Protein backbone atom coordinates (compact mmCIF):
# COMPACT_ATOMS: atom_id res chain seq x y z
CA MET A 1 3.06 -16.54 -18.91
CA PRO A 2 0.23 -14.57 -17.26
CA THR A 3 -3.23 -14.55 -18.82
CA PRO A 4 -4.62 -11.12 -19.77
CA ALA A 5 -7.36 -10.14 -17.34
CA TYR A 6 -9.37 -7.33 -15.76
CA THR A 7 -10.52 -7.56 -12.14
CA PRO A 8 -12.40 -4.75 -10.35
CA PHE A 9 -10.89 -3.99 -6.93
CA GLU A 10 -14.05 -5.06 -5.09
CA GLU A 11 -13.65 -8.56 -6.60
CA CYS A 12 -10.05 -8.92 -5.37
CA PRO A 13 -9.82 -11.18 -2.30
CA PRO A 14 -9.66 -9.40 1.06
CA TYR A 15 -7.04 -10.48 3.58
CA ASP A 16 -6.29 -9.77 7.22
CA GLN A 17 -3.07 -8.35 8.54
CA GLU A 18 -2.20 -7.45 12.12
CA ASP A 19 -2.12 -3.67 11.96
CA ALA A 20 -3.72 -0.46 13.21
CA ALA A 21 -7.50 -0.01 13.33
CA GLY A 22 -9.24 1.49 10.30
CA LEU A 23 -7.29 -0.46 7.66
CA SER A 24 -8.55 -2.96 5.09
CA PHE A 25 -6.53 -4.97 2.59
CA ARG A 26 -7.18 -6.70 -0.75
CA LYS A 27 -4.74 -8.78 -2.79
CA VAL A 28 -4.79 -7.28 -6.29
CA LEU A 29 -2.07 -9.47 -7.83
CA ALA A 30 -1.01 -12.64 -6.03
CA GLU A 31 2.62 -13.73 -5.82
CA GLY A 32 3.60 -15.99 -8.71
CA VAL A 33 1.21 -14.58 -11.32
CA VAL A 34 3.90 -12.20 -12.62
CA PRO A 35 7.47 -13.15 -11.67
CA HIS A 36 8.89 -11.10 -8.76
CA LEU A 37 5.74 -8.92 -8.38
CA ASP A 38 2.72 -8.86 -6.13
CA MET A 39 0.25 -6.05 -5.46
CA GLY A 40 -2.39 -5.10 -2.95
CA LEU A 41 -4.96 -2.40 -2.26
CA VAL A 42 -4.93 -0.66 1.12
CA THR A 43 -7.83 1.47 2.35
CA ALA A 44 -7.11 3.56 5.45
CA ALA A 45 -10.08 5.24 7.16
CA GLY A 46 -8.62 8.17 9.07
CA PRO A 47 -7.55 8.91 11.57
CA THR A 48 -5.23 5.92 11.49
CA HIS A 49 -1.47 5.29 11.33
CA LYS A 50 -0.30 2.01 9.78
CA PHE A 51 2.29 0.17 11.85
CA PRO A 52 5.89 0.81 10.68
CA ALA A 53 7.41 -1.91 8.49
CA ARG A 54 10.70 -2.73 6.79
CA HIS A 55 11.11 -5.26 3.94
CA ASP A 56 13.84 -7.13 2.07
CA TRP A 57 12.35 -6.00 -1.25
CA ASP A 58 11.60 -2.74 -3.04
CA GLN A 59 8.08 -1.36 -2.77
CA VAL A 60 6.10 1.34 -4.57
CA TYR A 61 2.86 2.95 -3.38
CA LEU A 62 0.49 4.37 -6.01
CA VAL A 63 -1.57 6.80 -3.91
CA PHE A 64 -4.82 7.64 -5.69
CA GLY A 65 -7.25 8.89 -3.05
CA GLY A 66 -7.34 10.80 0.22
CA THR A 67 -4.74 12.75 2.16
CA GLY A 68 -2.26 12.05 4.94
CA TYR A 69 1.45 11.39 5.42
CA VAL A 70 4.02 8.80 4.53
CA HIS A 71 6.92 8.24 6.95
CA LEU A 72 10.20 7.10 5.34
CA ASP A 73 13.16 6.43 7.66
CA GLY A 74 12.06 9.23 10.01
CA GLN A 75 11.12 11.70 7.25
CA LYS A 76 7.43 12.75 7.22
CA LEU A 77 6.11 13.64 3.75
CA ARG A 78 2.68 15.09 2.98
CA LEU A 79 0.33 13.14 0.70
CA ASP A 80 -2.06 15.81 -0.60
CA ARG A 81 -2.80 14.56 -4.14
CA PRO A 82 -2.35 11.37 -6.20
CA GLY A 83 1.27 10.31 -6.57
CA ILE A 84 3.95 7.66 -6.23
CA VAL A 85 5.99 6.75 -3.15
CA LEU A 86 9.25 4.84 -3.74
CA ILE A 87 10.36 2.67 -0.81
CA PRO A 88 13.75 1.02 -1.37
CA ARG A 89 14.37 -2.30 0.41
CA GLY A 90 15.31 -1.86 4.05
CA THR A 91 13.55 1.52 4.43
CA GLU A 92 11.34 1.81 7.52
CA HIS A 93 7.98 3.15 6.38
CA SER A 94 4.42 3.76 7.49
CA ILE A 95 1.41 5.67 6.27
CA GLU A 96 -1.00 7.93 8.15
CA ALA A 97 -4.51 8.94 7.01
CA ASP A 98 -5.92 12.32 8.00
CA PRO A 99 -8.96 12.41 10.33
CA GLY A 100 -12.25 12.00 8.45
CA VAL A 101 -10.48 11.00 5.22
CA THR A 102 -10.22 7.67 3.41
CA LEU A 103 -6.70 7.24 2.01
CA GLN A 104 -6.29 4.59 -0.70
CA TYR A 105 -3.20 3.24 -2.37
CA VAL A 106 -1.98 0.24 -4.30
CA TYR A 107 1.33 -1.23 -3.20
CA VAL A 108 3.62 -2.98 -5.64
CA ASN A 109 6.20 -5.36 -4.19
CA HIS A 110 9.22 -6.17 -6.34
CA ARG A 111 10.74 -9.25 -4.74
CA PRO A 112 14.18 -10.51 -5.69
């Protein structure tokens, strides 16, 4: 059973990932702490466009800062205020931050 805790984002461990310039990553909730879930914080300093990805698990983005676009299986959707992006398993997706803007979101992976 997980232990109750509070961790400020800046204390979450950073990690590297091969991706576009202008991106930084922090692991907010490591795999195994809560069964089937892990979470990370992505900061995208625009202009940047995260490399497209596709996963074998469902994913949710909690967008809380900045503006840009999310690309979902060829559909380009505007991110102009805080919101939620649902990415079902197998969906090709990427995110794009507007020039001069810092886009931030938390991803939640729900692994089978």
